[in-house]
Amino acid sequence: MNDVQFVETARHLAERMMKEGGEEVEQRMAFAFELATARAPSPQELQILVGQYRAHRETFAGDEESAKKLLSVGDSPHNESLDAIDHAAYTMVANLILNLDETLTKR
């Protein structure tokens, strides 16, 4: 699910997380998870998502160019008013959420 369309979709979900999901990381994770799965995350799921966000944020904080490269994937422009490091970290978590078996339609 690292195809351009999926990364771009995750970037847009991350933008919604940052703009509509609340002020706290936990609120934003729960917001995106519920958008994708139609249910609230369990405490364990929320803990994993927050941990992933923090790990990605730490990685991108040490390599801002990688964050900017991730945000440039796809045809639609990224929102430059958002912090690139945060946006990239949220994009990675959004990608994780969108790749859950519960989110994907399988036949």
PDB file of N, CA and C in Angstrom:
ATOM      1  N   MET A   1       0.806  -1.193   0.000  1.00  0.00           N
ATOM      2  CA  MET A   1       0.000   0.000   0.000  1.00  0.00           C
ATOM      3  C   MET A   1       0.856   1.267   0.000  1.00  0.00           C
ATOM      4  N   ASN A   2       2.016   1.168  -0.576  1.00  0.00           N
ATOM      5  CA  ASN A   2       2.876   2.334  -0.705  1.00  0.00           C
ATOM      6  C   ASN A   2       2.756   2.969  -2.085  1.00  0.00           C
ATOM      7  N   ASP A   3       1.735   2.569  -2.827  1.00  0.00           N
ATOM      8  CA  ASP A   3       1.474   3.149  -4.128  1.00  0.00           C
ATOM      9  C   ASP A   3       1.143   4.635  -3.953  1.00  0.00           C
ATOM     10  N   VAL A   4       1.404   5.411  -4.957  1.00  0.00           N
ATOM     11  CA  VAL A   4       1.228   6.863  -4.882  1.00  0.00           C
ATOM     12  C   VAL A   4      -0.162   7.242  -4.382  1.00  0.00           C
ATOM     13  N   GLN A   5      -1.193   6.586  -4.909  1.00  0.00           N
ATOM     14  CA  GLN A   5      -2.560   6.941  -4.518  1.00  0.00           C
ATOM     15  C   GLN A   5      -2.807   6.705  -3.037  1.00  0.00           C
ATOM     16  N   PHE A   6      -2.252   5.631  -2.496  1.00  0.00           N
ATOM     17  CA  PHE A   6      -2.459   5.321  -1.085  1.00  0.00           C
ATOM     18  C   PHE A   6      -1.701   6.297  -0.185  1.00  0.00           C
ATOM     19  N   VAL A   7      -0.497   6.659  -0.590  1.00  0.00           N
ATOM     20  CA  VAL A   7       0.275   7.624   0.200  1.00  0.00           C
ATOM     21  C   VAL A   7      -0.409   8.985   0.172  1.00  0.00           C
ATOM     22  N   GLU A   8      -0.896   9.376  -0.992  1.00  0.00           N
ATOM     23  CA  GLU A   8      -1.590  10.658  -1.117  1.00  0.00           C
ATOM     24  C   GLU A   8      -2.883  10.658  -0.295  1.00  0.00           C
ATOM     25  N   THR A   9      -3.599   9.554  -0.320  1.00  0.00           N
ATOM     26  CA  THR A   9      -4.815   9.425   0.492  1.00  0.00           C
ATOM     27  C   THR A   9      -4.481   9.531   1.971  1.00  0.00           C
ATOM     28  N   ALA A  10      -3.424   8.874   2.399  1.00  0.00           N
ATOM     29  CA  ALA A  10      -3.001   8.959   3.798  1.00  0.00           C
ATOM     30  C   ALA A  10      -2.621  10.392   4.173  1.00  0.00           C
ATOM     31  N   ARG A  11      -1.986  11.093   3.257  1.00  0.00           N
ATOM     32  CA  ARG A  11      -1.613  12.489   3.517  1.00  0.00           C
ATOM     33  C   ARG A  11      -2.850  13.350   3.730  1.00  0.00           C
ATOM     34  N   HIS A  12      -3.864  13.118   2.927  1.00  0.00           N
ATOM     35  CA  HIS A  12      -5.104  13.894   3.079  1.00  0.00           C
ATOM     36  C   HIS A  12      -5.839  13.522   4.369  1.00  0.00           C
ATOM     37  N   LEU A  13      -5.829  12.264   4.729  1.00  0.00           N
ATOM     38  CA  LEU A  13      -6.416  11.867   6.010  1.00  0.00           C
ATOM     39  C   LEU A  13      -5.640  12.510   7.152  1.00  0.00           C
ATOM     40  N   ALA A  14      -4.334  12.541   7.048  1.00  0.00           N
ATOM     41  CA  ALA A  14      -3.510  13.179   8.078  1.00  0.00           C
ATOM     42  C   ALA A  14      -3.851  14.660   8.211  1.00  0.00           C
ATOM     43  N   GLU A  15      -4.087  15.316   7.092  1.00  0.00           N
ATOM     44  CA  GLU A  15      -4.475  16.728   7.137  1.00  0.00           C
ATOM     45  C   GLU A  15      -5.806  16.889   7.872  1.00  0.00           C
ATOM     46  N   ARG A  16      -6.750  16.005   7.595  1.00  0.00           N
ATOM     47  CA  ARG A  16      -8.026  16.059   8.314  1.00  0.00           C
ATOM     48  C   ARG A  16      -7.827  15.808   9.800  1.00  0.00           C
ATOM     49  N   MET A  17      -6.931  14.880  10.130  1.00  0.00           N
ATOM     50  CA  MET A  17      -6.643  14.605  11.538  1.00  0.00           C
ATOM     51  C   MET A  17      -6.172  15.879  12.230  1.00  0.00           C
ATOM     52  N   MET A  18      -5.296  16.597  11.565  1.00  0.00           N
ATOM     53  CA  MET A  18      -4.691  17.789  12.155  1.00  0.00           C
ATOM     54  C   MET A  18      -5.678  18.955  12.218  1.00  0.00           C
ATOM     55  N   LYS A  19      -6.567  19.058  11.254  1.00  0.00           N
ATOM     56  CA  LYS A  19      -7.480  20.192  11.187  1.00  0.00           C
ATOM     57  C   LYS A  19      -8.802  19.942  11.902  1.00  0.00           C
ATOM     58  N   GLU A  20      -9.286  18.701  11.869  1.00  0.00           N
ATOM     59  CA  GLU A  20     -10.617  18.405  12.388  1.00  0.00           C
ATOM     60  C   GLU A  20     -10.625  17.456  13.587  1.00  0.00           C
ATOM     61  N   GLY A  21      -9.496  16.829  13.865  1.00  0.00           N
ATOM     62  CA  GLY A  21      -9.466  15.747  14.841  1.00  0.00           C
ATOM     63  C   GLY A  21      -9.280  16.153  16.287  1.00  0.00           C
ATOM     64  N   GLY A  22      -9.168  17.428  16.567  1.00  0.00           N
ATOM     65  CA  GLY A  22      -8.945  17.870  17.937  1.00  0.00           C
ATOM     66  C   GLY A  22      -7.521  18.361  18.122  1.00  0.00           C
ATOM     67  N   GLU A  23      -7.213  18.740  19.327  1.00  0.00           N
ATOM     68  CA  GLU A  23      -5.904  19.313  19.629  1.00  0.00           C
ATOM     69  C   GLU A  23      -4.886  18.278  20.101  1.00  0.00           C
ATOM     70  N   GLU A  24      -5.343  17.222  20.714  1.00  0.00           N
ATOM     71  CA  GLU A  24      -4.446  16.222  21.303  1.00  0.00           C
ATOM     72  C   GLU A  24      -4.192  15.065  20.330  1.00  0.00           C
ATOM     73  N   VAL A  25      -3.017  14.490  20.431  1.00  0.00           N
ATOM     74  CA  VAL A  25      -2.642  13.362  19.567  1.00  0.00           C
ATOM     75  C   VAL A  25      -3.660  12.229  19.694  1.00  0.00           C
ATOM     76  N   GLU A  26      -4.065  11.924  20.917  1.00  0.00           N
ATOM     77  CA  GLU A  26      -5.006  10.827  21.144  1.00  0.00           C
ATOM     78  C   GLU A  26      -6.339  11.098  20.452  1.00  0.00           C
ATOM     79  N   GLN A  27      -6.808  12.340  20.494  1.00  0.00           N
ATOM     80  CA  GLN A  27      -8.064  12.700  19.831  1.00  0.00           C
ATOM     81  C   GLN A  27      -7.935  12.523  18.324  1.00  0.00           C
ATOM     82  N   ARG A  28      -6.820  12.925  17.788  1.00  0.00           N
ATOM     83  CA  ARG A  28      -6.610  12.826  16.350  1.00  0.00           C
ATOM     84  C   ARG A  28      -6.536  11.380  15.891  1.00  0.00           C
ATOM     85  N   MET A  29      -5.898  10.535  16.687  1.00  0.00           N
ATOM     86  CA  MET A  29      -5.815   9.113  16.348  1.00  0.00           C
ATOM     87  C   MET A  29      -7.197   8.480  16.377  1.00  0.00           C
ATOM     88  N   ALA A  30      -7.960   8.773  17.417  1.00  0.00           N
ATOM     89  CA  ALA A  30      -9.306   8.215  17.537  1.00  0.00           C
ATOM     90  C   ALA A  30     -10.191   8.700  16.390  1.00  0.00           C
ATOM     91  N   PHE A  31     -10.065   9.962  16.014  1.00  0.00           N
ATOM     92  CA  PHE A  31     -10.824  10.545  14.914  1.00  0.00           C
ATOM     93  C   PHE A  31     -10.566   9.776  13.616  1.00  0.00           C
ATOM     94  N   ALA A  32      -9.309   9.608  13.263  1.00  0.00           N
ATOM     95  CA  ALA A  32      -8.964   8.915  12.010  1.00  0.00           C
ATOM     96  C   ALA A  32      -9.373   7.447  12.056  1.00  0.00           C
ATOM     97  N   PHE A  33      -9.145   6.808  13.182  1.00  0.00           N
ATOM     98  CA  PHE A  33      -9.489   5.389  13.308  1.00  0.00           C
ATOM     99  C   PHE A  33     -10.982   5.199  13.113  1.00  0.00           C
ATOM    100  N   GLU A  34     -11.774   6.075  13.722  1.00  0.00           N
ATOM    101  CA  GLU A  34     -13.224   5.948  13.598  1.00  0.00           C
ATOM    102  C   GLU A  34     -13.703   6.272  12.180  1.00  0.00           C
ATOM    103  N   LEU A  35     -13.074   7.248  11.526  1.00  0.00           N
ATOM    104  CA  LEU A  35     -13.419   7.526  10.131  1.00  0.00           C
ATOM    105  C   LEU A  35     -13.207   6.290   9.254  1.00  0.00           C
ATOM    106  N   ALA A  36     -12.134   5.583   9.499  1.00  0.00           N
ATOM    107  CA  ALA A  36     -11.768   4.445   8.651  1.00  0.00           C
ATOM    108  C   ALA A  36     -12.498   3.158   8.998  1.00  0.00           C
ATOM    109  N   THR A  37     -12.816   2.969  10.276  1.00  0.00           N
ATOM    110  CA  THR A  37     -13.371   1.670  10.702  1.00  0.00           C
ATOM    111  C   THR A  37     -14.808   1.740  11.206  1.00  0.00           C
ATOM    112  N   ALA A  38     -15.326   2.935  11.428  1.00  0.00           N
ATOM    113  CA  ALA A  38     -16.684   3.140  11.956  1.00  0.00           C
ATOM    114  C   ALA A  38     -16.822   2.662  13.401  1.00  0.00           C
ATOM    115  N   ARG A  39     -15.712   2.652  14.116  1.00  0.00           N
ATOM    116  CA  ARG A  39     -15.752   2.339  15.551  1.00  0.00           C
ATOM    117  C   ARG A  39     -14.600   3.037  16.245  1.00  0.00           C
ATOM    118  N   ALA A  40     -14.734   3.219  17.535  1.00  0.00           N
ATOM    119  CA  ALA A  40     -13.658   3.819  18.320  1.00  0.00           C
ATOM    120  C   ALA A  40     -12.550   2.790  18.537  1.00  0.00           C
ATOM    121  N   PRO A  41     -11.313   3.248  18.598  1.00  0.00           N
ATOM    122  CA  PRO A  41     -10.229   2.293  18.874  1.00  0.00           C
ATOM    123  C   PRO A  41     -10.260   1.839  20.327  1.00  0.00           C
ATOM    124  N   SER A  42      -9.804   0.628  20.560  1.00  0.00           N
ATOM    125  CA  SER A  42      -9.658   0.152  21.939  1.00  0.00           C
ATOM    126  C   SER A  42      -8.493   0.902  22.579  1.00  0.00           C
ATOM    127  N   PRO A  43      -8.396   0.877  23.895  1.00  0.00           N
ATOM    128  CA  PRO A  43      -7.246   1.537  24.544  1.00  0.00           C
ATOM    129  C   PRO A  43      -5.905   1.010  24.028  1.00  0.00           C
ATOM    130  N   GLN A  44      -5.812  -0.292  23.761  1.00  0.00           N
ATOM    131  CA  GLN A  44      -4.569  -0.863  23.257  1.00  0.00           C
ATOM    132  C   GLN A  44      -4.277  -0.368  21.843  1.00  0.00           C
ATOM    133  N   GLU A  45      -5.302  -0.312  21.003  1.00  0.00           N
ATOM    134  CA  GLU A  45      -5.115   0.185  19.636  1.00  0.00           C
ATOM    135  C   GLU A  45      -4.686   1.648  19.653  1.00  0.00           C
ATOM    136  N   LEU A  46      -5.326   2.428  20.499  1.00  0.00           N
ATOM    137  CA  LEU A  46      -4.978   3.845  20.606  1.00  0.00           C
ATOM    138  C   LEU A  46      -3.533   4.016  21.066  1.00  0.00           C
ATOM    139  N   GLN A  47      -3.114   3.208  22.012  1.00  0.00           N
ATOM    140  CA  GLN A  47      -1.740   3.264  22.512  1.00  0.00           C
ATOM    141  C   GLN A  47      -0.742   2.947  21.395  1.00  0.00           C
ATOM    142  N   ILE A  48      -1.044   1.971  20.572  1.00  0.00           N
ATOM    143  CA  ILE A  48      -0.166   1.613  19.454  1.00  0.00           C
ATOM    144  C   ILE A  48      -0.082   2.766  18.456  1.00  0.00           C
ATOM    145  N   LEU A  49      -1.228   3.350  18.120  1.00  0.00           N
ATOM    146  CA  LEU A  49      -1.247   4.457  17.154  1.00  0.00           C
ATOM    147  C   LEU A  49      -0.451   5.655  17.663  1.00  0.00           C
ATOM    148  N   VAL A  50      -0.640   5.991  18.912  1.00  0.00           N
ATOM    149  CA  VAL A  50       0.100   7.118  19.502  1.00  0.00           C
ATOM    150  C   VAL A  50       1.598   6.806  19.519  1.00  0.00           C
ATOM    151  N   GLY A  51       1.952   5.585  19.867  1.00  0.00           N
ATOM    152  CA  GLY A  51       3.361   5.187  19.866  1.00  0.00           C
ATOM    153  C   GLY A  51       3.975   5.273  18.477  1.00  0.00           C
ATOM    154  N   GLN A  52       3.220   4.865  17.471  1.00  0.00           N
ATOM    155  CA  GLN A  52       3.707   4.960  16.095  1.00  0.00           C
ATOM    156  C   GLN A  52       3.893   6.416  15.681  1.00  0.00           C
ATOM    157  N   TYR A  53       2.935   7.260  16.039  1.00  0.00           N
ATOM    158  CA  TYR A  53       3.059   8.687  15.727  1.00  0.00           C
ATOM    159  C   TYR A  53       4.336   9.252  16.350  1.00  0.00           C
ATOM    160  N   ARG A  54       4.560   8.973  17.609  1.00  0.00           N
ATOM    161  CA  ARG A  54       5.745   9.525  18.308  1.00  0.00           C
ATOM    162  C   ARG A  54       7.045   9.009  17.683  1.00  0.00           C
ATOM    163  N   ALA A  55       7.068   7.744  17.325  1.00  0.00           N
ATOM    164  CA  ALA A  55       8.275   7.173  16.699  1.00  0.00           C
ATOM    165  C   ALA A  55       8.536   7.823  15.344  1.00  0.00           C
ATOM    166  N   HIS A  56       7.500   7.970  14.543  1.00  0.00           N
ATOM    167  CA  HIS A  56       7.671   8.604  13.220  1.00  0.00           C
ATOM    168  C   HIS A  56       8.043  10.077  13.368  1.00  0.00           C
ATOM    169  N   ARG A  57       7.438  10.733  14.343  1.00  0.00           N
ATOM    170  CA  ARG A  57       7.744  12.147  14.537  1.00  0.00           C
ATOM    171  C   ARG A  57       9.220  12.322  14.911  1.00  0.00           C
ATOM    172  N   GLU A  58       9.710  11.453  15.753  1.00  0.00           N
ATOM    173  CA  GLU A  58      11.118  11.509  16.143  1.00  0.00           C
ATOM    174  C   GLU A  58      12.024  11.280  14.932  1.00  0.00           C
ATOM    175  N   THR A  59      11.670  10.326  14.099  1.00  0.00           N
ATOM    176  CA  THR A  59      12.458  10.048  12.898  1.00  0.00           C
ATOM    177  C   THR A  59      12.465  11.257  11.964  1.00  0.00           C
ATOM    178  N   PHE A  60      11.294  11.819  11.693  1.00  0.00           N
ATOM    179  CA  PHE A  60      11.212  12.955  10.781  1.00  0.00           C
ATOM    180  C   PHE A  60      11.831  14.218  11.371  1.00  0.00           C
ATOM    181  N   ALA A  61      11.828  14.347  12.681  1.00  0.00           N
ATOM    182  CA  ALA A  61      12.464  15.510  13.313  1.00  0.00           C
ATOM    183  C   ALA A  61      13.964  15.511  13.030  1.00  0.00           C
ATOM    184  N   GLY A  62      14.534  14.322  12.872  1.00  0.00           N
ATOM    185  CA  GLY A  62      15.949  14.208  12.559  1.00  0.00           C
ATOM    186  C   GLY A  62      16.251  14.238  11.073  1.00  0.00           C
ATOM    187  N   ASP A  63      15.198  14.245  10.249  1.00  0.00           N
ATOM    188  CA  ASP A  63      15.388  14.222   8.794  1.00  0.00           C
ATOM    189  C   ASP A  63      14.199  14.919   8.126  1.00  0.00           C
ATOM    190  N   GLU A  64      14.170  16.234   8.241  1.00  0.00           N
ATOM    191  CA  GLU A  64      13.040  17.005   7.721  1.00  0.00           C
ATOM    192  C   GLU A  64      12.901  16.870   6.203  1.00  0.00           C
ATOM    193  N   GLU A  65      13.994  16.631   5.503  1.00  0.00           N
ATOM    194  CA  GLU A  65      13.919  16.456   4.055  1.00  0.00           C
ATOM    195  C   GLU A  65      13.084  15.223   3.690  1.00  0.00           C
ATOM    196  N   SER A  66      13.202  14.167   4.481  1.00  0.00           N
ATOM    197  CA  SER A  66      12.382  12.974   4.237  1.00  0.00           C
ATOM    198  C   SER A  66      10.904  13.272   4.457  1.00  0.00           C
ATOM    199  N   ALA A  67      10.617  14.088   5.459  1.00  0.00           N
ATOM    200  CA  ALA A  67       9.232  14.490   5.713  1.00  0.00           C
ATOM    201  C   ALA A  67       8.685  15.247   4.512  1.00  0.00           C
ATOM    202  N   LYS A  68       9.444  16.186   4.000  1.00  0.00           N
ATOM    203  CA  LYS A  68       9.004  16.983   2.853  1.00  0.00           C
ATOM    204  C   LYS A  68       8.853  16.120   1.605  1.00  0.00           C
ATOM    205  N   LYS A  69       9.732  15.151   1.447  1.00  0.00           N
ATOM    206  CA  LYS A  69       9.651  14.243   0.295  1.00  0.00           C
ATOM    207  C   LYS A  69       8.362  13.414   0.379  1.00  0.00           C
ATOM    208  N   LEU A  70       8.045  12.907   1.554  1.00  0.00           N
ATOM    209  CA  LEU A  70       6.814  12.140   1.744  1.00  0.00           C
ATOM    210  C   LEU A  70       5.594  12.999   1.407  1.00  0.00           C
ATOM    211  N   LEU A  71       5.590  14.225   1.873  1.00  0.00           N
ATOM    212  CA  LEU A  71       4.447  15.112   1.666  1.00  0.00           C
ATOM    213  C   LEU A  71       4.292  15.553   0.219  1.00  0.00           C
ATOM    214  N   SER A  72       5.318  15.381  -0.586  1.00  0.00           N
ATOM    215  CA  SER A  72       5.242  15.782  -1.993  1.00  0.00           C
ATOM    216  C   SER A  72       4.724  14.670  -2.905  1.00  0.00           C
ATOM    217  N   VAL A  73       4.470  13.495  -2.352  1.00  0.00           N
ATOM    218  CA  VAL A  73       3.991  12.366  -3.149  1.00  0.00           C
ATOM    219  C   VAL A  73       2.573  12.654  -3.636  1.00  0.00           C
ATOM    220  N   GLY A  74       2.346  12.434  -4.919  1.00  0.00           N
ATOM    221  CA  GLY A  74       1.012  12.590  -5.493  1.00  0.00           C
ATOM    222  C   GLY A  74       0.856  13.881  -6.268  1.00  0.00           C
ATOM    223  N   ASP A  75      -0.296  14.009  -6.900  1.00  0.00           N
ATOM    224  CA  ASP A  75      -0.563  15.164  -7.745  1.00  0.00           C
ATOM    225  C   ASP A  75      -1.066  16.374  -6.968  1.00  0.00           C
ATOM    226  N   SER A  76      -1.823  16.142  -5.928  1.00  0.00           N
ATOM    227  CA  SER A  76      -2.382  17.277  -5.188  1.00  0.00           C
ATOM    228  C   SER A  76      -1.313  17.889  -4.283  1.00  0.00           C
ATOM    229  N   PRO A  77      -1.301  19.211  -4.184  1.00  0.00           N
ATOM    230  CA  PRO A  77      -0.295  19.854  -3.334  1.00  0.00           C
ATOM    231  C   PRO A  77      -0.606  19.624  -1.856  1.00  0.00           C
ATOM    232  N   HIS A  78       0.439  19.564  -1.047  1.00  0.00           N
ATOM    233  CA  HIS A  78       0.199  19.426   0.390  1.00  0.00           C
ATOM    234  C   HIS A  78      -0.016  20.804   1.005  1.00  0.00           C
ATOM    235  N   ASN A  79      -0.648  20.792   2.149  1.00  0.00           N
ATOM    236  CA  ASN A  79      -0.963  22.027   2.857  1.00  0.00           C
ATOM    237  C   ASN A  79       0.307  22.534   3.545  1.00  0.00           C
ATOM    238  N   GLU A  80       0.892  23.573   3.004  1.00  0.00           N
ATOM    239  CA  GLU A  80       2.160  24.077   3.534  1.00  0.00           C
ATOM    240  C   GLU A  80       2.007  24.863   4.828  1.00  0.00           C
ATOM    241  N   SER A  81       0.763  25.125   5.233  1.00  0.00           N
ATOM    242  CA  SER A  81       0.560  25.813   6.504  1.00  0.00           C
ATOM    243  C   SER A  81       0.717  24.864   7.698  1.00  0.00           C
ATOM    244  N   LEU A  82       0.708  23.560   7.428  1.00  0.00           N
ATOM    245  CA  LEU A  82       0.878  22.572   8.489  1.00  0.00           C
ATOM    246  C   LEU A  82       2.359  22.272   8.692  1.00  0.00           C
ATOM    247  N   ASP A  83       2.732  21.997   9.917  1.00  0.00           N
ATOM    248  CA  ASP A  83       4.110  21.624  10.228  1.00  0.00           C
ATOM    249  C   ASP A  83       4.463  20.340   9.476  1.00  0.00           C
ATOM    250  N   ALA A  84       5.523  20.384   8.688  1.00  0.00           N
ATOM    251  CA  ALA A  84       5.892  19.248   7.832  1.00  0.00           C
ATOM    252  C   ALA A  84       6.221  17.995   8.637  1.00  0.00           C
ATOM    253  N   ILE A  85       6.902  18.146   9.739  1.00  0.00           N
ATOM    254  CA  ILE A  85       7.289  16.982  10.543  1.00  0.00           C
ATOM    255  C   ILE A  85       6.052  16.299  11.124  1.00  0.00           C
ATOM    256  N   ASP A  86       5.147  17.096  11.706  1.00  0.00           N
ATOM    257  CA  ASP A  86       3.906  16.531  12.245  1.00  0.00           C
ATOM    258  C   ASP A  86       3.059  15.916  11.141  1.00  0.00           C
ATOM    259  N   HIS A  87       2.938  16.635  10.041  1.00  0.00           N
ATOM    260  CA  HIS A  87       2.101  16.150   8.939  1.00  0.00           C
ATOM    261  C   HIS A  87       2.634  14.825   8.404  1.00  0.00           C
ATOM    262  N   ALA A  88       3.925  14.708   8.263  1.00  0.00           N
ATOM    263  CA  ALA A  88       4.518  13.457   7.787  1.00  0.00           C
ATOM    264  C   ALA A  88       4.290  12.328   8.787  1.00  0.00           C
ATOM    265  N   ALA A  89       4.441  12.609  10.066  1.00  0.00           N
ATOM    266  CA  ALA A  89       4.223  11.575  11.086  1.00  0.00           C
ATOM    267  C   ALA A  89       2.766  11.126  11.103  1.00  0.00           C
ATOM    268  N   TYR A  90       1.843  12.079  11.014  1.00  0.00           N
ATOM    269  CA  TYR A  90       0.429  11.712  10.937  1.00  0.00           C
ATOM    270  C   TYR A  90       0.128  10.953   9.646  1.00  0.00           C
ATOM    271  N   THR A  91       0.800  11.293   8.568  1.00  0.00           N
ATOM    272  CA  THR A  91       0.610  10.578   7.304  1.00  0.00           C
ATOM    273  C   THR A  91       0.990   9.109   7.452  1.00  0.00           C
ATOM    274  N   MET A  92       2.073   8.840   8.130  1.00  0.00           N
ATOM    275  CA  MET A  92       2.497   7.453   8.328  1.00  0.00           C
ATOM    276  C   MET A  92       1.479   6.672   9.153  1.00  0.00           C
ATOM    277  N   VAL A  93       0.921   7.311  10.184  1.00  0.00           N
ATOM    278  CA  VAL A  93      -0.090   6.631  10.998  1.00  0.00           C
ATOM    279  C   VAL A  93      -1.382   6.460  10.205  1.00  0.00           C
ATOM    280  N   ALA A  94      -1.748   7.472   9.428  1.00  0.00           N
ATOM    281  CA  ALA A  94      -2.937   7.351   8.586  1.00  0.00           C
ATOM    282  C   ALA A  94      -2.769   6.199   7.606  1.00  0.00           C
ATOM    283  N   ASN A  95      -1.581   6.038   7.051  1.00  0.00           N
ATOM    284  CA  ASN A  95      -1.300   4.920   6.152  1.00  0.00           C
ATOM    285  C   ASN A  95      -1.478   3.590   6.873  1.00  0.00           C
ATOM    286  N   LEU A  96      -1.021   3.520   8.102  1.00  0.00           N
ATOM    287  CA  LEU A  96      -1.188   2.311   8.909  1.00  0.00           C
ATOM    288  C   LEU A  96      -2.675   2.013   9.098  1.00  0.00           C
ATOM    289  N   ILE A  97      -3.453   3.023   9.465  1.00  0.00           N
ATOM    290  CA  ILE A  97      -4.887   2.837   9.687  1.00  0.00           C
ATOM    291  C   ILE A  97      -5.576   2.377   8.404  1.00  0.00           C
ATOM    292  N   LEU A  98      -5.226   3.000   7.299  1.00  0.00           N
ATOM    293  CA  LEU A  98      -5.855   2.645   6.032  1.00  0.00           C
ATOM    294  C   LEU A  98      -5.457   1.255   5.538  1.00  0.00           C
ATOM    295  N   ASN A  99      -4.412   0.694   6.100  1.00  0.00           N
ATOM    296  CA  ASN A  99      -3.960  -0.643   5.719  1.00  0.00           C
ATOM    297  C   ASN A  99      -4.433  -1.741   6.668  1.00  0.00           C
ATOM    298  N   LEU A 100      -5.222  -1.400   7.660  1.00  0.00           N
ATOM    299  CA  LEU A 100      -5.753  -2.412   8.560  1.00  0.00           C
ATOM    300  C   LEU A 100      -6.683  -3.350   7.805  1.00  0.00           C
ATOM    301  N   ASP A 101      -6.679  -4.628   8.156  1.00  0.00           N
ATOM    302  CA  ASP A 101      -7.613  -5.568   7.543  1.00  0.00           C
ATOM    303  C   ASP A 101      -9.045  -5.073   7.696  1.00  0.00           C
ATOM    304  N   GLU A 102      -9.334  -4.470   8.802  1.00  0.00           N
ATOM    305  CA  GLU A 102     -10.683  -3.966   9.093  1.00  0.00           C
ATOM    306  C   GLU A 102     -11.087  -2.835   8.151  1.00  0.00           C
ATOM    307  N   THR A 103     -10.113  -2.139   7.625  1.00  0.00           N
ATOM    308  CA  THR A 103     -10.381  -1.008   6.739  1.00  0.00           C
ATOM    309  C   THR A 103     -10.504  -1.448   5.291  1.00  0.00           C
ATOM    310  N   LEU A 104      -9.739  -2.441   4.909  1.00  0.00           N
ATOM    311  CA  LEU A 104      -9.713  -2.903   3.521  1.00  0.00           C
ATOM    312  C   LEU A 104     -10.885  -3.807   3.196  1.00  0.00           C
ATOM    313  N   THR A 105     -11.363  -3.731   2.004  1.00  0.00           N
ATOM    314  CA  THR A 105     -12.403  -4.652   1.527  1.00  0.00           C
ATOM    315  C   THR A 105     -11.702  -5.786   0.817  1.00  0.00           C
ATOM    316  N   LYS A 106     -11.942  -6.978   1.305  1.00  0.00           N
ATOM    317  CA  LYS A 106     -11.322  -8.141   0.696  1.00  0.00           C
ATOM    318  C   LYS A 106     -12.399  -9.071   0.162  1.00  0.00           C
ATOM    319  N   ARG A 107     -12.107  -9.682  -0.975  1.00  0.00           N
ATOM    320  CA  ARG A 107     -13.075 -10.622  -1.565  1.00  0.00           C
ATOM    321  C   ARG A 107     -12.394 -11.909  -1.880  1.00  0.00           C
TER     322      ARG A 107
END
